[in-house]
Protein backbone atom coordinates (compact mmCIF):
# COMPACT_ATOMS: atom_id res chain seq x y z
CA MET A 1 16.90 9.45 19.16
CA VAL A 2 15.43 7.61 22.11
CA SER A 3 12.03 6.52 19.65
CA ASN A 4 14.21 5.68 16.69
CA ALA A 5 16.39 3.41 18.85
CA ALA A 6 13.05 2.14 20.35
CA LEU A 7 11.38 1.72 17.07
CA ARG A 8 14.46 -0.35 15.35
CA SER A 9 14.71 -2.26 18.26
CA GLY A 10 11.13 -3.43 18.53
CA VAL A 11 10.80 -2.18 21.84
CA THR A 12 7.57 0.13 20.43
CA LEU A 13 6.20 -3.17 18.71
CA GLU A 14 6.33 -4.93 22.08
CA GLN A 15 5.04 -2.13 23.94
CA LEU A 16 1.94 -1.66 21.45
CA TYR A 17 0.91 -5.15 21.73
CA ALA A 18 1.03 -4.58 25.47
CA ALA A 19 -1.31 -1.11 25.49
CA ILE A 20 -4.02 -2.76 23.11
CA CYS A 21 -3.62 -6.51 23.67
CA GLU A 22 -2.60 -6.88 26.92
CA PRO A 23 -5.82 -7.29 29.71
CA GLU A 24 -6.25 -3.89 31.83
CA VAL A 25 -5.98 -5.20 35.86
CA GLU A 26 -6.47 -3.48 38.80
CA SER A 27 -3.50 -3.07 40.78
CA ILE A 28 -1.36 -0.76 42.75
CA LEU A 29 1.62 -1.75 40.52
CA PHE A 30 1.57 -0.69 36.89
CA SER A 31 0.50 -3.38 34.36
CA ALA A 32 1.81 -4.36 31.33
CA SER A 33 -1.41 -2.79 29.71
CA LYS A 34 -0.83 0.49 31.37
CA THR A 35 2.61 0.76 30.89
CA GLY A 36 2.67 -0.05 27.18
CA ARG A 37 0.00 2.96 27.02
CA ILE A 38 1.95 5.50 28.75
CA ILE A 39 5.37 4.38 26.89
CA ILE A 40 3.72 4.90 23.54
CA SER A 41 2.05 8.07 24.78
CA ASN A 42 5.56 9.20 25.21
CA LEU A 43 6.91 8.27 21.83
CA VAL A 44 4.16 9.50 19.79
CA MET A 45 5.66 13.10 21.86
CA VAL A 46 8.71 12.92 20.32
CA ASP A 47 8.53 11.05 16.72
CA HIS A 48 5.79 11.40 14.24
CA LEU A 49 7.19 8.00 13.01
CA VAL A 50 5.33 6.36 16.28
CA MET A 51 2.23 7.53 14.97
CA GLN A 52 2.18 6.74 11.59
CA LEU A 53 2.75 2.99 13.08
CA LEU A 54 -0.65 3.75 14.94
CA ARG A 55 -2.60 4.39 11.54
CA ARG A 56 -1.08 1.51 9.74
CA VAL A 57 -2.31 -0.96 12.44
CA LEU A 58 -5.96 0.39 13.57
CA PRO A 59 -8.48 1.10 11.57
CA MET A 60 -8.53 4.11 9.72
CA ASP A 61 -11.02 6.78 11.98
CA PHE A 62 -9.81 6.46 15.02
CA LEU A 63 -6.81 8.27 14.36
CA ILE A 64 -8.25 10.60 12.11
CA SER A 65 -10.22 12.66 13.92
CA GLU A 66 -11.49 12.52 17.77
CA SER A 67 -15.07 12.99 16.61
CA SER A 68 -14.98 9.23 15.80
CA ALA A 69 -15.20 8.96 19.96
CA SER A 70 -18.74 10.03 18.94
CA HIS A 71 -20.36 7.07 18.72
CA SER A 72 -21.69 6.47 22.06
CA ALA A 73 -22.52 8.85 24.71
CA ALA A 74 -20.24 6.81 27.53
CA ALA A 75 -17.09 6.93 24.84
CA SER A 76 -17.69 10.39 24.22
CA ALA A 77 -17.86 11.11 27.47
CA ALA A 78 -14.78 9.54 28.64
CA ALA A 79 -13.04 10.96 26.08
CA LYS A 80 -13.85 14.57 26.52
CA ALA A 81 -12.65 13.75 29.96
CA ALA A 82 -9.10 12.34 28.44
CA ALA A 83 -8.50 15.29 26.14
CA SER A 84 -9.56 18.19 28.54
CA ALA A 85 -6.89 16.40 31.10
CA ALA A 86 -4.47 16.50 28.02
CA ALA A 87 -5.54 20.23 27.43
CA SER A 88 -5.16 21.49 30.97
CA ALA A 89 -1.51 19.83 30.68
CA ALA A 90 -0.76 21.60 27.67
CA PRO A 91 0.20 25.52 29.18
CA VAL A 92 2.59 23.42 30.96
CA ALA A 93 4.16 21.88 28.23
CA ALA A 94 4.38 25.54 26.14
CA GLN A 95 6.18 27.20 28.73
CA ARG A 96 9.51 24.24 28.58
CA HIS A 97 10.76 21.61 25.41
CA VAL A 98 8.82 19.27 24.98
CA ARG A 99 9.75 15.68 27.25
CA GLY A 100 9.58 12.52 26.18
CA LEU A 101 10.13 8.77 27.26
CA TRP A 102 13.55 8.70 29.97
CA GLY A 103 13.79 12.65 29.60
CA SER A 104 14.51 13.16 26.00
CA SER A 105 13.47 16.29 24.20
CA LEU A 106 12.39 17.95 21.70
CA HIS A 107 13.55 21.61 21.13
CA GLY A 108 11.33 22.93 18.45
CA THR A 109 8.78 25.79 17.26
CA ASP A 110 5.28 26.59 18.45
CA ALA A 111 3.99 24.79 15.73
CA VAL A 112 5.93 21.70 16.35
CA GLN A 113 4.51 22.31 20.58
CA ARG A 114 1.25 22.45 18.88
CA SER A 115 1.74 19.02 17.11
CA MET A 116 3.13 17.29 19.77
CA ASP A 117 -0.08 18.42 22.04
CA GLU A 118 -2.54 17.41 20.07
CA ALA A 119 -1.06 13.55 19.58
CA THR A 120 -0.67 13.29 22.58
CA SER A 121 -4.31 14.23 22.87
CA THR A 122 -5.33 12.17 20.63
CA VAL A 123 -3.71 9.27 21.81
CA ALA A 124 -5.05 9.94 25.23
CA THR A 125 -8.45 9.75 23.75
CA LEU A 126 -7.95 6.41 22.29
CA TRP A 127 -6.98 4.30 25.07
CA THR A 128 -10.57 4.86 26.15
CA VAL A 129 -12.16 4.72 22.85
CA LEU A 130 -10.58 1.57 22.35
CA ARG A 131 -12.57 0.18 25.03
CA TYR A 132 -15.74 0.20 22.99
CA ASP A 133 -17.37 -0.91 19.99
CA TYR A 134 -18.03 0.69 16.86
CA ASN A 135 -19.91 -0.26 13.57
CA ARG A 136 -20.08 2.47 10.96
CA LEU A 137 -18.81 3.90 7.60
CA GLY A 138 -15.46 3.56 7.75
CA LEU A 139 -14.71 2.39 11.36
CA VAL A 140 -15.47 -1.46 12.34
CA TRP A 141 -14.10 -2.77 16.08
CA ASN A 142 -15.25 -5.42 17.72
CA SER A 143 -14.25 -8.41 19.02
CA ASP A 144 -13.47 -9.63 15.46
CA THR A 145 -11.02 -6.69 14.74
CA ARG A 146 -9.70 -7.05 18.25
CA TYR A 147 -8.87 -11.10 17.97
CA GLU A 148 -7.32 -10.24 14.34
CA LEU A 149 -5.23 -7.29 15.19
CA LYS A 150 -3.89 -8.94 18.32
CA THR A 151 -3.17 -12.40 16.38
CA LYS A 152 -1.34 -10.23 13.63
CA LEU A 153 0.88 -8.06 16.46
CA LYS A 154 1.60 -11.73 18.60
CA ALA A 155 3.13 -13.29 15.50
CA GLN A 156 5.03 -9.97 14.59
CA VAL A 157 6.89 -9.71 17.99
CA ASP A 158 7.45 -13.57 17.97
CA ASP A 159 8.88 -13.57 14.72
CA PHE A 160 11.17 -10.36 15.04
CA GLN A 161 12.21 -11.76 18.70
CA PHE A 162 13.38 -15.17 16.46
CA ALA A 163 14.72 -13.58 14.44
CA GLN A 164 16.80 -11.55 17.01
CA GLN A 165 18.02 -14.76 18.13
CA LEU A 166 19.17 -16.72 15.06
CA ALA A 167 21.03 -13.12 13.65
CA ASP A 168 24.36 -12.68 13.84
CA GLY A 169 25.07 -8.99 13.85
CA ALA A 170 22.46 -6.31 14.29
CA LEU A 171 18.66 -6.60 12.96
CA SER A 172 16.68 -3.67 12.76
CA TRP A 173 12.74 -3.95 12.86
CA ASN A 174 11.46 -2.57 9.54
CA HIS A 175 8.25 -0.78 11.11
CA VAL A 176 7.73 0.65 7.73
CA ASP A 177 6.12 -1.91 6.23
CA PHE A 178 4.26 -3.27 9.27
CA GLU A 179 0.30 -2.90 8.61
CA VAL A 180 -2.77 -4.16 9.64
CA THR A 181 -5.58 -5.21 6.98
CA TYR A 182 -8.42 -6.93 8.67
CA GLU A 183 -9.40 -9.76 7.06
CA CYS A 184 -12.81 -10.02 8.74
CA LEU A 185 -13.71 -6.70 7.43
CA VAL A 186 -12.90 -7.35 3.65
CA ALA A 187 -14.42 -10.93 3.86
CA SER A 188 -17.92 -9.32 5.56
CA GLY A 189 -17.89 -6.39 2.53
CA SER A 190 -17.26 -4.24 5.88
CA MET A 191 -14.33 -2.27 3.72
CA ALA A 192 -16.00 -2.63 0.13
CA ASP A 193 -15.99 0.36 -2.07
CA GLU A 194 -18.72 2.38 -0.36
CA VAL A 195 -15.43 4.40 1.47
CA SER A 196 -15.09 7.48 -0.93
CA TRP A 197 -12.39 7.99 -3.25
CA MET A 198 -12.20 11.60 -1.51
CA HIS A 199 -11.03 9.83 2.00
CA LEU A 200 -7.79 11.37 3.03
CA ASP A 201 -5.07 9.46 3.33
CA ALA A 202 -4.06 8.09 7.08
CA GLU A 203 -0.92 9.62 6.40
CA SER A 204 -1.85 12.65 4.72
CA THR A 205 -2.72 16.09 6.84
CA SER A 206 -6.54 15.78 7.98
CA VAL A 207 -7.50 18.65 5.72
CA ASN A 208 -5.73 19.91 3.01
CA THR A 209 -6.42 23.41 1.83
CA SER A 210 -3.34 24.54 -0.44
CA GLY A 211 -4.36 26.05 -3.96
CA SER A 212 -2.01 23.28 -5.42
CA ALA A 213 -3.91 19.99 -3.51
CA ARG A 214 -6.92 22.10 -4.65
CA VAL A 215 -6.14 22.00 -7.77
CA PHE A 216 -4.90 18.57 -8.08
CA ASP A 217 -7.96 17.21 -6.49
CA ASP A 218 -9.97 19.00 -9.21
CA LEU A 219 -7.91 17.51 -12.20
CA TYR A 220 -8.68 13.80 -10.67
CA ARG A 221 -12.61 14.31 -10.30
CA LYS A 222 -12.39 16.08 -13.87
CA LEU A 223 -10.07 12.66 -14.94
CA LEU A 224 -12.82 10.42 -13.17
CA ALA A 225 -15.85 11.93 -15.02
CA GLU A 226 -14.13 12.32 -18.42
CA THR A 227 -15.46 9.24 -21.14
CA ILE A 228 -13.04 10.98 -24.01
CA GLU A 229 -10.10 8.97 -24.31
CA ASP A 230 -7.79 12.40 -25.62
CA LYS A 231 -9.26 14.52 -22.35
CA ARG A 232 -8.55 12.04 -20.27
CA LEU A 233 -4.91 11.88 -21.23
CA HIS A 234 -4.64 15.45 -21.29
CA TYR A 235 -5.76 15.52 -17.53
CA LEU A 236 -3.21 12.68 -16.11
CA GLN A 237 -0.61 14.48 -18.33
CA LEU A 238 -1.75 18.11 -16.40
CA MET A 239 -2.02 15.83 -13.21
CA ALA A 240 1.61 14.24 -13.60
CA GLU A 241 3.48 17.73 -14.05
CA ALA A 242 0.85 19.03 -11.09
CA TYR A 243 3.04 16.35 -8.82
CA LEU A 244 6.32 16.68 -10.05
CA ALA A 245 6.28 20.67 -9.12
CA GLU A 246 4.13 20.48 -6.55
CA HIS A 247 4.57 17.35 -4.47
CA ALA A 248 5.76 18.52 -1.29
CA THR A 249 2.88 20.82 -1.20
CA ILE A 250 -0.07 18.46 -2.31
CA GLY A 251 1.12 15.60 0.08
CA ALA A 252 0.23 12.23 -0.09
CA PHE A 253 -2.63 11.46 -2.32
CA SER A 254 -5.55 9.13 -1.55
CA GLY A 255 -6.60 8.09 -4.81
CA ALA A 256 -3.21 6.16 -5.77
CA ALA A 257 -5.00 2.86 -5.27
CA GLN A 258 -7.45 3.61 -7.52
CA ILE A 259 -4.63 4.68 -10.52
CA ILE A 260 -3.55 1.41 -10.40
CA ALA A 261 -7.31 -0.06 -10.26
CA ARG A 262 -7.35 2.17 -13.21
CA LEU A 263 -4.17 0.66 -14.87
CA ARG A 264 -5.66 -3.05 -14.65
CA GLN A 265 -8.13 -1.89 -16.43
CA CYS A 266 -6.66 0.06 -19.30
CA GLU A 267 -8.03 -0.76 -22.91
CA THR A 268 -5.15 1.58 -24.74
CA TRP A 269 -1.99 1.27 -24.18
CA LYS A 270 -2.00 4.72 -24.92
CA GLU A 271 -4.09 5.58 -21.86
CA ALA A 272 -1.77 2.95 -19.87
CA ASP A 273 1.59 4.82 -20.55
CA GLY A 274 -0.45 8.48 -19.02
CA LEU A 275 -1.31 6.33 -16.07
CA LEU A 276 2.46 5.29 -16.19
CA GLN A 277 4.02 9.08 -16.29
CA LEU A 278 1.04 9.75 -13.19
CA GLN A 279 2.97 6.57 -11.23
CA ARG A 280 6.28 7.60 -11.66
CA ALA A 281 5.44 11.24 -10.43
CA LEU A 282 3.19 9.69 -7.63
CA LEU A 283 6.12 7.79 -6.15
CA LEU A 284 7.89 10.93 -4.85
CA HIS A 285 6.14 10.65 -1.94
CA PRO A 286 6.72 7.18 -0.09
CA ALA A 287 3.09 6.96 1.08
CA ASN A 288 1.74 6.42 -2.34
CA ALA A 289 4.40 3.83 -2.57
CA ARG A 290 2.94 2.23 0.15
CA ALA A 291 -0.50 2.61 -1.17
CA LEU A 292 0.76 0.95 -4.85
CA LEU A 293 2.15 -2.10 -2.48
CA ARG A 294 -1.12 -2.86 -0.84
CA ALA A 295 -2.48 -2.75 -3.92
CA LYS A 296 0.12 -5.55 -5.62
CA GLY A 297 1.25 -2.92 -8.25
CA GLU A 298 4.72 -3.73 -8.64
CA GLN A 299 3.44 -7.37 -9.84
CA LEU A 300 1.41 -5.33 -12.21
CA PHE A 301 3.73 -3.18 -13.66
CA VAL A 302 6.16 -6.92 -13.96
CA THR A 303 3.20 -8.70 -16.28
CA MET A 304 2.99 -5.08 -17.91
CA LEU A 305 6.79 -5.25 -19.22
CA CYS A 306 6.86 -8.90 -20.12
CA THR A 307 3.98 -8.55 -22.02
CA SER A 308 5.28 -4.72 -23.58
CA HIS A 309 8.68 -6.49 -23.96
CA ALA A 310 7.40 -9.46 -26.11
CA TYR A 311 5.52 -6.75 -28.38
CA ALA A 312 8.31 -4.76 -29.19
CA GLN A 313 10.34 -7.81 -29.39
CA SER A 314 7.78 -9.46 -31.72
CA VAL A 315 7.89 -9.32 -35.61
CA ALA A 316 3.90 -9.34 -35.56
CA ALA A 317 2.95 -6.57 -32.67
CA LYS A 318 -0.69 -7.34 -32.93
CA GLU A 319 -0.28 -11.45 -31.80
CA ALA A 320 1.36 -11.92 -28.23
CA PRO A 321 3.93 -14.60 -28.25
CA ALA A 322 3.07 -17.72 -26.69
CA GLU A 323 5.50 -17.38 -23.97
CA VAL A 324 3.62 -14.35 -22.62
CA SER A 325 0.40 -15.71 -22.67
CA PRO A 326 -0.57 -19.45 -23.10
CA ALA A 327 -2.77 -19.87 -25.93
CA ASN A 328 -4.86 -22.68 -23.73
CA TRP A 329 -8.19 -20.14 -22.22
CA GLN A 330 -11.62 -20.77 -21.95
CA LEU A 331 -14.29 -18.45 -22.14
CA HIS A 332 -17.55 -18.35 -20.64
CA ILE A 333 -19.97 -14.73 -21.50
CA LEU A 334 -22.14 -14.13 -18.67
CA GLY A 335 -26.28 -14.25 -19.12
CA LYS A 336 -28.90 -12.87 -16.96
CA ASP A 337 -28.47 -14.92 -14.44
CA GLY A 338 -24.81 -14.44 -14.17
CA ARG A 339 -24.14 -17.95 -13.57
CA VAL A 340 -20.99 -20.09 -14.55
CA PRO A 341 -20.60 -23.53 -15.36
CA ALA A 342 -19.22 -26.12 -13.76
CA ALA A 343 -15.97 -27.77 -14.38
CA GLU A 344 -17.03 -30.55 -16.32
CA ASP A 345 -19.42 -28.29 -18.15
CA ALA A 346 -17.23 -25.79 -19.36
CA PRO A 347 -16.58 -24.83 -23.42
CA PRO A 348 -13.26 -25.95 -25.16
CA PRO A 349 -10.70 -23.87 -24.69
CA LEU A 350 -9.05 -21.41 -26.98
CA THR A 351 -6.30 -19.87 -28.96
CA LEU A 352 -5.37 -16.54 -28.44
CA ARG A 353 -6.47 -15.34 -31.87
CA LYS A 354 -9.60 -16.96 -31.26
CA LEU A 355 -9.97 -15.51 -27.84
CA ARG A 356 -9.60 -12.34 -29.10
CA SER A 357 -12.10 -12.28 -32.06
CA ALA A 358 -14.27 -13.30 -29.21
CA LEU A 359 -13.67 -10.96 -27.26
CA SER A 360 -14.20 -8.01 -29.98
CA GLU A 361 -17.85 -8.86 -30.19
CA ILE A 362 -18.86 -8.95 -26.48
CA ALA A 363 -18.48 -6.56 -23.51
CA LEU A 364 -15.52 -7.17 -21.54
CA GLN A 365 -17.29 -7.18 -18.17
CA ASP A 366 -19.02 -10.20 -19.12
CA ALA A 367 -16.46 -12.49 -19.71
CA ARG A 368 -15.15 -15.12 -17.30
CA VAL A 369 -11.94 -17.15 -18.46
CA LYS A 370 -10.06 -19.62 -16.49
CA ARG A 371 -7.06 -22.04 -17.38
CA PRO A 372 -7.81 -25.99 -18.72
CA GLY A 373 -8.04 -27.45 -15.00
CA GLU A 374 -8.28 -24.66 -12.81
CA GLN A 375 -11.81 -24.08 -10.75
CA THR A 376 -12.03 -20.69 -10.53
CA TRP A 377 -13.62 -18.67 -13.10
CA ARG A 378 -11.69 -15.13 -13.15
CA ARG A 379 -12.81 -11.65 -14.55
CA LEU A 380 -10.52 -10.45 -17.27
CA CYS A 381 -8.76 -7.57 -15.94
CA ASP A 382 -7.87 -10.21 -13.02
CA ALA A 383 -6.09 -12.13 -15.52
CA PRO A 384 -3.22 -9.45 -16.20
CA GLU A 385 -1.08 -11.89 -18.14
CA LEU A 386 -4.27 -12.54 -20.78
CA TRP A 387 -5.83 -8.95 -20.58
CA TRP A 388 -2.23 -7.12 -21.56
CA SER A 389 -2.28 -9.64 -24.55
CA VAL A 390 -5.44 -9.73 -25.67
CA CYS A 391 -7.91 -6.79 -24.76
CA VAL A 392 -5.36 -3.58 -24.73
CA HIS A 393 -4.77 -2.37 -28.36
CA GLY A 394 -2.92 0.61 -29.71
CA HIS A 395 1.07 -1.00 -29.47
CA SER A 396 4.06 -0.15 -31.61
CA LYS A 397 7.62 -1.24 -31.55
CA ALA A 398 9.11 1.54 -30.29
CA GLU A 399 6.52 2.70 -27.93
CA GLY A 400 7.17 -1.11 -26.37
CA VAL A 401 10.76 -0.35 -25.32
CA LYS A 402 10.47 3.00 -24.14
CA ARG A 403 7.59 1.71 -21.93
CA SER A 404 9.83 -1.45 -20.59
CA VAL A 405 12.92 1.03 -19.64
CA LEU A 406 9.88 3.22 -17.84
CA LEU A 407 8.42 0.36 -15.97
CA LEU A 408 11.82 -1.18 -15.01
CA GLU A 409 12.44 2.66 -13.60
CA LEU A 410 9.36 2.16 -11.52
CA LEU A 411 10.38 -0.58 -10.11
CA GLN A 412 13.57 0.67 -9.00
CA CYS A 413 12.08 3.62 -7.65
CA LEU A 414 9.65 1.10 -5.57
CA ASP A 415 13.05 -0.93 -4.68
CA ASP A 416 15.17 1.68 -3.55
CA LEU A 417 12.66 3.41 -1.32
CA LEU A 418 13.36 1.43 1.63
CA PRO A 419 16.88 -0.12 1.03
CA ALA A 420 17.75 -3.85 2.90
CA ARG A 421 19.67 -1.88 5.76
CA ASP A 422 18.42 0.86 7.85
CA ASP A 423 20.87 4.26 8.49
CA LYS A 424 23.00 2.29 11.24
CA ASN A 425 23.76 -0.25 8.59
CA ALA A 426 21.56 -2.99 10.77
CA VAL A 427 19.60 -5.14 8.48
CA LEU A 428 16.19 -4.80 7.97
CA HIS A 429 13.91 -7.48 9.16
CA PRO A 430 11.14 -8.75 7.28
CA THR A 431 12.98 -8.03 4.17
CA PRO A 432 11.13 -4.91 2.36
CA ARG A 433 8.09 -5.79 0.61
CA THR A 434 9.25 -4.79 -2.54
CA LYS A 435 12.24 -6.92 -2.76
CA ARG A 436 10.17 -9.86 -0.96
CA SER A 437 7.96 -9.60 -3.99
CA LEU A 438 10.89 -9.24 -6.66
CA SER A 439 12.40 -12.02 -5.68
CA SER A 440 9.36 -14.51 -5.13
CA PRO A 441 9.55 -17.60 -7.39
CA GLU A 442 7.29 -16.02 -9.83
CA ILE A 443 8.40 -12.86 -10.44
CA LEU A 444 12.63 -13.17 -10.54
CA PRO A 445 12.50 -15.46 -13.52
CA ARG A 446 10.79 -13.21 -15.68
CA LEU A 447 12.84 -10.21 -14.89
CA ALA A 448 15.87 -12.52 -15.14
CA GLN A 449 14.91 -13.35 -18.94
CA LEU A 450 14.13 -9.75 -20.07
CA LEU A 451 18.63 -9.90 -19.16
CA LEU A 452 18.79 -11.90 -22.92
CA SER A 453 17.31 -8.79 -24.14
CA VAL A 454 18.47 -7.44 -27.69
CA GLU A 455 17.51 -3.82 -26.44
CA ALA A 456 20.80 -2.69 -24.90
CA ASP A 457 18.63 0.08 -22.26
CA VAL A 458 16.39 -2.98 -21.30
CA VAL A 459 19.45 -5.30 -20.45
CA LEU A 460 21.17 -2.26 -18.24
CA ASN A 461 18.25 -1.40 -16.20
CA VAL A 462 16.96 -5.04 -15.45
CA ALA A 463 20.61 -5.86 -14.17
CA LYS A 464 20.63 -3.01 -11.75
CA LEU A 465 17.08 -3.71 -10.80
CA LEU A 466 18.36 -7.43 -10.39
CA THR A 467 21.48 -6.27 -8.85
CA SER A 468 19.31 -4.24 -6.03
CA VAL A 469 16.93 -6.68 -5.10
CA LEU A 470 19.02 -9.95 -4.71
CA LYS A 471 21.73 -7.92 -2.78
CA GLY A 472 18.87 -7.21 -0.15
CA SER A 473 17.60 -10.31 -0.11
CA LEU A 474 21.46 -12.27 -0.16
CA CYS A 475 21.21 -9.70 2.94
CA ALA A 476 18.49 -11.01 5.08
CA SER A 477 19.30 -14.55 4.48
CA LEU A 478 22.87 -14.48 5.38
CA GLN A 479 21.70 -12.45 8.57
CA GLN A 480 19.18 -15.70 9.64
């Protein structure tokens, strides 16, 4: 398919940069901006992956609904005109096969053609909507976001073109991993937790009315509202079973990132196990895996893996081994003023035993910790190597081995979702995110150390994971 070739070769990336970032020039000839818009609009008609790319690059509300154009009267009028022009062309398109770029055709059902017409109308409206500024919940678009988008698209274009020049063989753009996170919005608080958990994932359908989806969402609401642990465990089990059975109908889960957030703040290993089982079910959908990676869930899994395995190997299950969590931590309890002491006024470091004793007498959300020499105080949940060693209880050796195997299976599943080569055997660039993370200097040595485990299942799963990760990283390094 032409669109797949355009994605793999980086043509889609270059034309997307031209369509969004190049200046509009009045001329009898096609400008780079107008050419890019025509090409992207045609590619959207024949490949849903291009629309998904737009959704990962632009702020969420731009492509969730056409109502995003109603913020200003001028934008609304222009958007309606563009939409009506696209709609007027729809009857003609319905009488023939959908035609794409360079004459490529899509022979499909009426439902497919309606989907293509809707996508074409949305993109036709998009080019008009992008001209205006917006500032509301879920959508902020101004000079800062435009500059950040232009910078990141340009950096991606330059990086891929440079890699192509150095490559000895075929190179394919890793478009699935590419997305834009707007740091300017995060810094200003515009993308804070004000967005409801009920907001649908950009890659799921805009309105999912299936019975399975309603049941799953209802279970999630009950999980969020429940305060009794046993009932939460019951809801987690029901959610995992429901998603395993009906994941194709339910689709992407908009709360996938919140599951990782809940996992970071678990206080019992039993509830952590329930969340891990649900996470394994959620990985059946690629969009859920991307949400997990955005939340740096793979790093959390590695920390949990090392801690759980060390507990299982330890004779005394109540005391975390020193290599998992260093014994010297400084503790500060926030007062009413919410202030933390300066570095020179920091309290003396505590051993793990004393730290555990001190934390048992206070509210964990009021505790701030740091290592000697660090300048920044952290919440306990932001220091996972300490959290899982000190704050989480209810561990047993048998469960530790079983949990270690489950965590390795989750990491392997993440790594398998995007291999190092595409279906044409071309090396993906940039290297898939999971392989980059697991082969980093912070994580790879910790995984390699697990090869010394006395548990055969742990050793076999670690060896399989390391082989897959290093093979992918080696493909990328040999190609450059």
